[in-house]
Each structure stands twice: as structure tokens, then as C-alpha cells.
N, C-alpha and C. Protein backbone atom coordinates (compact mmCIF):
# COMPACT_ATOMS: atom_id res chain seq x y z
N UNK A 1 129.43 42.72 153.53
CA UNK A 1 127.85 43.61 153.88
C UNK A 1 127.12 42.85 153.21
N UNK A 2 125.50 42.48 153.98
CA UNK A 2 124.41 41.51 153.34
C UNK A 2 123.70 42.33 152.54
N UNK A 3 123.64 42.07 151.29
CA UNK A 3 122.45 42.48 150.05
C UNK A 3 120.84 41.61 150.00
N UNK A 4 120.00 42.04 150.32
CA UNK A 4 118.67 41.13 150.28
C UNK A 4 118.33 41.59 149.70
N UNK A 5 117.75 40.75 148.40
CA UNK A 5 117.06 40.98 147.40
C UNK A 5 115.68 40.23 147.45
N UNK A 6 114.79 41.35 147.28
CA UNK A 6 112.69 40.61 147.68
C UNK A 6 112.60 40.61 146.56
N UNK A 7 112.45 39.36 146.13
CA UNK A 7 111.94 38.53 144.84
C UNK A 7 113.04 38.03 143.44
N UNK A 8 112.49 37.10 143.30
CA UNK A 8 113.12 36.00 142.41
C UNK A 8 113.13 36.09 140.65
N UNK A 9 112.31 37.19 140.05
CA UNK A 9 111.92 37.01 138.79
C UNK A 9 113.11 37.94 138.36
N UNK A 10 112.83 37.70 137.05
CA UNK A 10 114.31 38.38 135.91
C UNK A 10 114.91 39.79 136.69
N UNK A 11 114.22 40.33 137.26
CA UNK A 11 114.73 41.73 137.64
C UNK A 11 115.62 41.34 138.80
N UNK A 12 115.23 40.52 139.80
CA UNK A 12 116.04 40.01 140.72
C UNK A 12 117.25 39.54 141.05
N UNK A 13 116.99 38.12 139.46
CA UNK A 13 118.36 37.81 139.45
C UNK A 13 118.93 38.45 138.28
N UNK A 14 118.65 39.01 137.49
CA UNK A 14 119.85 40.22 137.48
C UNK A 14 120.71 40.99 138.17
N UNK A 15 119.77 41.67 139.34
CA UNK A 15 120.68 42.60 140.21
C UNK A 15 121.65 41.66 140.59
N UNK A 16 121.28 40.57 141.30
CA UNK A 16 122.07 39.43 141.97
C UNK A 16 123.54 38.73 140.82
N UNK A 17 122.94 38.86 139.57
CA UNK A 17 124.03 38.54 138.88
C UNK A 17 125.18 39.97 138.77
N UNK A 18 124.68 40.85 138.51
CA UNK A 18 125.40 41.93 138.16
C UNK A 18 126.08 42.45 139.41
N UNK A 19 125.65 42.03 140.55
CA UNK A 19 126.10 42.84 141.88
C UNK A 19 127.19 41.20 141.88
N UNK A 20 126.82 40.09 141.76
CA UNK A 20 128.40 39.66 142.12
C UNK A 20 129.15 39.55 141.05
N UNK A 21 129.33 40.30 139.75
CA UNK A 21 129.98 40.60 139.09
C UNK A 21 131.24 41.08 139.55
N UNK A 22 130.98 41.93 140.05
CA UNK A 22 131.42 43.43 140.79
C UNK A 22 131.58 43.00 141.88
N UNK A 23 131.00 42.23 142.96
CA UNK A 23 131.68 41.98 144.30
C UNK A 23 131.47 40.77 144.55
N UNK A 24 132.59 40.33 144.94
CA UNK A 24 132.61 38.45 145.34
C UNK A 24 132.82 38.24 146.61
N UNK A 25 132.16 39.50 147.90
CA UNK A 25 132.84 39.45 149.09
C UNK A 25 131.35 39.30 149.53
N UNK A 26 130.18 40.25 148.99
CA UNK A 26 129.19 40.52 149.90
C UNK A 26 128.03 39.36 149.98
N UNK A 27 127.36 39.24 151.09
CA UNK A 27 127.08 38.42 151.42
C UNK A 27 125.52 38.50 150.48
N UNK A 28 124.58 37.58 149.61
CA UNK A 28 123.38 38.21 149.11
C UNK A 28 122.51 37.31 149.23
N UNK A 29 121.58 37.64 149.87
CA UNK A 29 120.37 37.01 150.19
C UNK A 29 119.01 37.10 149.14
N UNK A 30 118.60 36.29 148.11
CA UNK A 30 117.61 36.39 147.69
C UNK A 30 116.51 35.93 148.36
N UNK A 31 115.27 36.78 148.40
CA UNK A 31 113.52 35.83 148.96
C UNK A 31 112.54 36.12 148.43
N UNK A 32 111.93 34.95 148.12
CA UNK A 32 111.10 34.51 146.53
C UNK A 32 109.85 33.96 147.59
N UNK A 33 108.76 34.62 147.45
CA UNK A 33 107.46 33.92 148.62
C UNK A 33 106.94 32.94 147.36
N UNK A 34 107.44 32.31 146.40
CA UNK A 34 107.63 31.76 145.67
C UNK A 34 108.26 30.49 146.24
N UNK A 35 107.43 28.57 145.69
CA UNK A 35 108.14 27.77 146.44
C UNK A 35 109.36 27.00 145.33
N UNK A 36 109.38 27.77 144.07
CA UNK A 36 110.42 27.61 143.52
C UNK A 36 111.83 28.30 142.81
N UNK A 37 112.80 27.97 142.16
CA UNK A 37 113.86 28.14 141.58
C UNK A 37 113.04 29.53 140.68
N UNK A 38 114.13 30.32 140.79
CA UNK A 38 113.93 31.34 139.56
C UNK A 38 113.30 31.18 138.06
N UNK A 39 112.00 31.82 137.43
CA UNK A 39 111.88 31.18 136.21
C UNK A 39 111.15 32.68 135.45
N UNK A 40 111.71 32.20 134.34
CA UNK A 40 110.58 33.37 132.79
C UNK A 40 109.49 33.69 133.26
N UNK A 41 108.54 34.48 133.79
CA UNK A 41 106.85 34.52 133.50
C UNK A 41 106.26 33.94 132.46
N UNK A 42 106.71 35.13 131.67
CA UNK A 42 106.81 34.96 130.28
C UNK A 42 107.06 33.78 129.24
N UNK A 43 108.08 32.94 129.53
CA UNK A 43 108.25 31.68 128.98
C UNK A 43 107.24 30.47 129.62
N UNK A 44 106.47 30.80 130.36
CA UNK A 44 105.88 29.86 130.65
C UNK A 44 104.24 29.82 129.70
N UNK A 45 104.17 29.97 128.90
CA UNK A 45 103.11 29.76 127.84
C UNK A 45 103.69 28.88 127.07
N UNK A 46 104.84 28.73 126.41
CA UNK A 46 105.51 27.69 125.67
C UNK A 46 105.44 26.78 126.53
N UNK A 47 105.49 26.73 127.90
CA UNK A 47 105.88 25.43 128.33
C UNK A 47 104.49 24.77 128.74
N UNK A 48 103.25 25.63 128.88
CA UNK A 48 102.28 24.80 128.91
C UNK A 48 101.29 24.39 127.46
N UNK A 49 101.94 25.26 126.89
CA UNK A 49 101.29 24.39 125.51
C UNK A 49 102.28 23.84 124.72
N UNK A 50 103.60 23.53 124.89
CA UNK A 50 104.72 22.56 123.97
C UNK A 50 105.25 21.59 125.45
N UNK A 51 104.98 22.09 126.53
CA UNK A 51 105.97 21.32 127.45
C UNK A 51 107.70 21.84 127.43
N UNK A 52 107.97 22.99 126.51
CA UNK A 52 109.17 23.57 126.80
C UNK A 52 109.75 23.93 127.80
N UNK A 53 110.88 24.10 128.61
CA UNK A 53 111.63 24.04 129.66
C UNK A 53 112.45 25.13 130.32
N UNK A 54 112.46 26.25 128.51
CA UNK A 54 112.74 27.69 128.57
C UNK A 54 112.62 28.42 129.70
N UNK A 55 111.58 28.45 130.36
CA UNK A 55 111.34 28.90 131.58
C UNK A 55 112.26 28.93 132.79
N UNK A 56 112.59 27.68 132.69
CA UNK A 56 113.94 27.48 133.86
C UNK A 56 115.21 27.83 132.68
N UNK A 57 115.28 29.24 132.96
CA UNK A 57 116.47 30.15 132.21
C UNK A 57 117.74 30.26 132.98
N UNK A 58 117.82 29.41 134.05
CA UNK A 58 118.43 29.31 135.07
C UNK A 58 118.72 27.81 135.66
N UNK A 59 119.88 27.35 135.87
CA UNK A 59 119.92 26.00 136.45
C UNK A 59 119.64 25.95 137.54
N UNK A 60 118.99 24.62 138.33
CA UNK A 60 119.14 24.45 139.69
C UNK A 60 120.22 24.91 140.48
N UNK A 61 121.62 24.37 140.27
CA UNK A 61 122.63 25.02 140.69
C UNK A 61 122.79 26.50 140.89
N UNK A 62 122.18 27.24 140.27
CA UNK A 62 122.19 28.56 140.03
C UNK A 62 122.45 29.70 141.18
N UNK A 63 121.77 28.94 142.52
CA UNK A 63 122.00 30.09 143.92
C UNK A 63 123.31 29.94 144.18
N UNK A 64 123.62 28.07 144.20
CA UNK A 64 125.34 28.17 144.89
C UNK A 64 126.02 28.69 143.33
N UNK A 65 126.23 28.15 142.23
CA UNK A 65 127.34 28.69 141.35
C UNK A 65 126.85 30.47 141.03
N UNK A 66 126.10 31.02 142.12
CA UNK A 66 125.89 32.74 141.88
C UNK A 66 126.59 33.04 143.21
N UNK A 67 126.80 32.35 144.24
CA UNK A 67 126.92 32.48 145.50
C UNK A 67 125.71 32.85 146.27
N UNK A 68 124.53 32.78 146.15
CA UNK A 68 123.26 33.23 146.44
C UNK A 68 122.86 32.76 147.45
N UNK A 69 122.39 33.13 149.11
CA UNK A 69 121.77 32.31 149.48
C UNK A 69 120.41 32.20 149.44
N UNK A 70 119.77 31.54 148.35
CA UNK A 70 118.23 31.63 148.06
C UNK A 70 117.09 31.02 149.03
N UNK A 71 115.99 31.76 149.41
CA UNK A 71 114.66 31.51 150.16
C UNK A 71 113.76 31.28 149.81
N UNK A 72 113.54 30.38 149.53
CA UNK A 72 111.92 30.02 148.59
C UNK A 72 110.72 30.04 150.03
N UNK A 73 109.56 30.40 149.05
CA UNK A 73 108.39 30.04 150.25
C UNK A 73 108.50 31.08 151.48
N UNK A 74 109.50 32.59 150.89
CA UNK A 74 109.27 33.54 152.36
C UNK A 74 108.64 34.90 152.17
N UNK A 75 107.73 35.28 152.78
CA UNK A 75 107.48 36.36 152.21
C UNK A 75 107.70 37.91 153.24
N UNK A 76 107.82 38.51 152.89
CA UNK A 76 107.99 40.20 153.66
C UNK A 76 106.77 40.30 153.92
N UNK A 77 106.74 40.66 155.34
CA UNK A 77 105.03 41.63 155.59
C UNK A 77 105.88 43.09 156.27
N UNK A 78 106.96 43.45 156.16
CA UNK A 78 107.19 44.56 156.51
C UNK A 78 109.05 45.11 156.39
N UNK A 79 109.02 46.14 155.87
CA UNK A 79 110.16 47.13 155.81
C UNK A 79 110.24 47.99 156.70
N UNK A 80 111.50 47.76 157.51
CA UNK A 80 111.68 48.35 158.63
C UNK A 80 112.90 48.95 157.77
N UNK A 81 112.78 50.25 156.80
CA UNK A 81 114.12 51.02 156.51
C UNK A 81 115.04 51.97 157.35
N UNK A 82 114.89 52.05 158.09
CA UNK A 82 115.11 53.36 159.32
C UNK A 82 116.44 52.32 160.28
N UNK A 83 115.48 50.66 160.49
CA UNK A 83 116.25 50.08 161.29
C UNK A 83 117.27 48.86 160.19
N UNK A 84 117.05 48.99 158.92
CA UNK A 84 117.72 47.97 157.84
C UNK A 84 117.37 46.68 158.56
N UNK A 85 116.05 46.36 158.59
CA UNK A 85 115.35 45.42 159.07
C UNK A 85 113.95 44.81 158.51
N UNK A 86 114.30 43.53 158.56
CA UNK A 86 112.45 43.15 157.73
C UNK A 86 112.14 42.26 158.49
N UNK A 87 110.61 42.23 158.13
CA UNK A 87 109.86 41.75 159.37
C UNK A 87 109.11 40.44 158.51
N UNK A 88 109.34 39.04 158.40
CA UNK A 88 108.93 37.90 157.64
C UNK A 88 107.51 37.53 158.04
N UNK A 89 107.40 36.15 157.35
CA UNK A 89 105.77 36.32 157.71
C UNK A 89 105.47 35.46 158.81
N UNK A 90 107.03 34.37 159.03
CA UNK A 90 106.60 33.83 160.21
C UNK A 90 107.09 34.74 161.27
N UNK A 91 107.04 35.75 161.40
CA UNK A 91 107.86 36.29 162.80
C UNK A 91 108.97 36.74 162.96
N UNK A 92 110.26 36.28 162.03
CA UNK A 92 111.24 36.40 162.19
C UNK A 92 111.33 37.38 161.84
N UNK A 93 113.11 38.17 162.21
CA UNK A 93 113.63 39.51 161.43
C UNK A 93 114.36 39.26 160.85
N UNK A 94 115.26 40.07 159.72
CA UNK A 94 116.34 39.77 159.08
C UNK A 94 116.62 41.38 159.03
N UNK A 95 118.37 41.14 159.26
CA UNK A 95 119.06 42.47 158.93
C UNK A 95 119.11 42.77 157.55
N UNK A 96 119.80 43.96 157.03
CA UNK A 96 120.27 44.22 155.72
C UNK A 96 120.91 44.90 155.60
N UNK A 97 122.62 45.40 154.98
CA UNK A 97 122.95 46.61 154.80
C UNK A 97 122.15 47.13 153.60
N UNK A 98 122.09 46.31 152.57
CA UNK A 98 121.47 47.04 151.53
C UNK A 98 120.43 46.28 150.91
N UNK A 99 119.30 46.87 150.79
CA UNK A 99 117.75 46.46 150.03
C UNK A 99 117.49 46.55 148.74
N UNK A 100 117.37 45.54 147.66
CA UNK A 100 116.58 45.66 146.63
C UNK A 100 115.20 45.33 146.26
N UNK A 101 114.31 45.79 146.20
CA UNK A 101 112.92 45.04 145.85
C UNK A 101 112.66 45.32 144.60
N UNK A 102 112.78 43.55 143.89
CA UNK A 102 112.28 43.49 142.87
C UNK A 102 111.44 42.24 142.64
N UNK A 103 110.22 42.80 143.32
CA UNK A 103 109.31 41.90 143.43
C UNK A 103 108.10 41.91 142.08
N UNK A 104 108.25 42.65 140.87
CA UNK A 104 107.58 42.34 139.61
C UNK A 104 106.11 43.34 139.79
N UNK A 105 105.63 42.61 138.96
CA UNK A 105 104.07 43.62 139.38
C UNK A 105 103.23 42.26 138.84
N UNK A 106 101.63 42.76 139.16
CA UNK A 106 100.78 41.87 138.76
C UNK A 106 100.33 41.98 137.42
N UNK A 107 99.74 41.04 136.41
CA UNK A 107 99.11 41.45 135.23
C UNK A 107 97.81 41.88 135.46
N UNK A 108 97.40 42.89 135.26
CA UNK A 108 95.59 42.99 135.30
C UNK A 108 95.04 43.88 134.01
N UNK A 109 94.52 42.99 133.16
CA UNK A 109 93.95 42.94 131.99
C UNK A 109 92.58 43.01 131.53
N UNK A 110 92.08 44.18 132.01
CA UNK A 110 90.13 43.67 132.14
C UNK A 110 89.54 43.60 131.01
N UNK A 111 88.87 42.78 131.16
CA UNK A 111 87.72 41.90 130.08
C UNK A 111 86.46 43.14 130.27
N UNK A 112 86.23 43.64 128.73
CA UNK A 112 84.73 43.99 128.78
C UNK A 112 83.68 42.58 128.84
N UNK A 113 82.13 42.79 130.01
CA UNK A 113 81.80 41.59 130.01
C UNK A 113 80.79 41.15 128.94
N UNK A 114 80.96 42.41 127.95
CA UNK A 114 79.88 41.92 126.45
C UNK A 114 80.80 41.90 125.26
N UNK A 115 81.85 42.13 125.72
CA UNK A 115 82.70 41.22 124.44
C UNK A 115 83.42 39.76 125.04
N UNK A 116 83.37 39.67 125.97
CA UNK A 116 83.61 37.97 126.27
C UNK A 116 82.84 37.39 127.85
N UNK A 117 81.28 37.37 127.25
CA UNK A 117 80.52 36.48 128.11
C UNK A 117 80.42 35.82 128.94
N UNK A 118 81.55 34.42 128.33
CA UNK A 118 82.04 33.57 128.96
C UNK A 118 83.15 33.35 130.05
N UNK A 119 83.92 34.70 130.06
CA UNK A 119 84.64 34.96 130.85
C UNK A 119 84.59 35.89 132.04
N UNK A 120 84.62 34.79 133.04
CA UNK A 120 84.61 35.00 134.68
C UNK A 120 85.05 36.67 135.18
N UNK A 121 85.95 37.20 134.27
CA UNK A 121 86.31 38.43 134.65
C UNK A 121 85.53 39.52 134.06
N UNK A 122 85.28 40.25 135.44
CA UNK A 122 84.69 42.10 134.42
C UNK A 122 85.54 42.88 135.40
N UNK A 123 85.04 44.43 134.78
CA UNK A 123 85.46 45.52 135.22
C UNK A 123 85.00 45.89 136.86
N UNK A 124 85.71 46.51 137.55
CA UNK A 124 85.71 47.08 138.51
C UNK A 124 84.45 48.04 138.94
């Protein structure tokens, strides 16, 4: 079985590790739009403030240790669920038997202009 996980954040990594705990035979492919190995976004503040590497909560060899084919810098443009196929930004397609979408979210914290005149963010 080929399992594709879109997203390499904490949710995607947890899914891969859980699958591997119970299934040693399936091929697991993890796709990340970012050019980095999995990291913890909440821990990035410590990294920028004091240089901590806690955001790298998995080693560089994590994909090999876990048996995951990790593909960084890959953007999924379309999901074709009936065909069990993904369309990638480079025009290629990828088949899958099972698909996990673990892309996370984007933080949106509106700042009112009158409270933060120096901010460049304004309410839509």
C-alpha cells in the first residue's frame, strides 16, 4: 500500500510515526512545500531569541529511520480523490492508495490600527 501524507508539521510527522508503528510494509511518502526537514513552528520563537535548536525535534535522519520517503519543496496543486491521484506543481502526477492531508493552518491575528499605529497589518 502507498500512503501519501501532505504536510510535514507535527500532525504529519505524528501520522507517519503512528502508521509505521503498526504497519512496517506500506510505502509512506511525505510531501512538504517547504525546503526544510520537519520542524516545530511553535518552538521557532526560542530559536530566533536564543539560538535553541528545539524546533528540530526530529533528527536529520528521521525520514530514513522511520522509513518515510520525504520530499521537500513539493506543492500539490490538485487532488483527484476518485482517481487516487495528486497533481503536483511540476506537472507530474502521483498515485496513492491512502491520503492524509495534514497541511496545518496559517495564523491570522488581526491587529486593530488604532492599537498599533506602527503595525503594517490592518483589518480587512
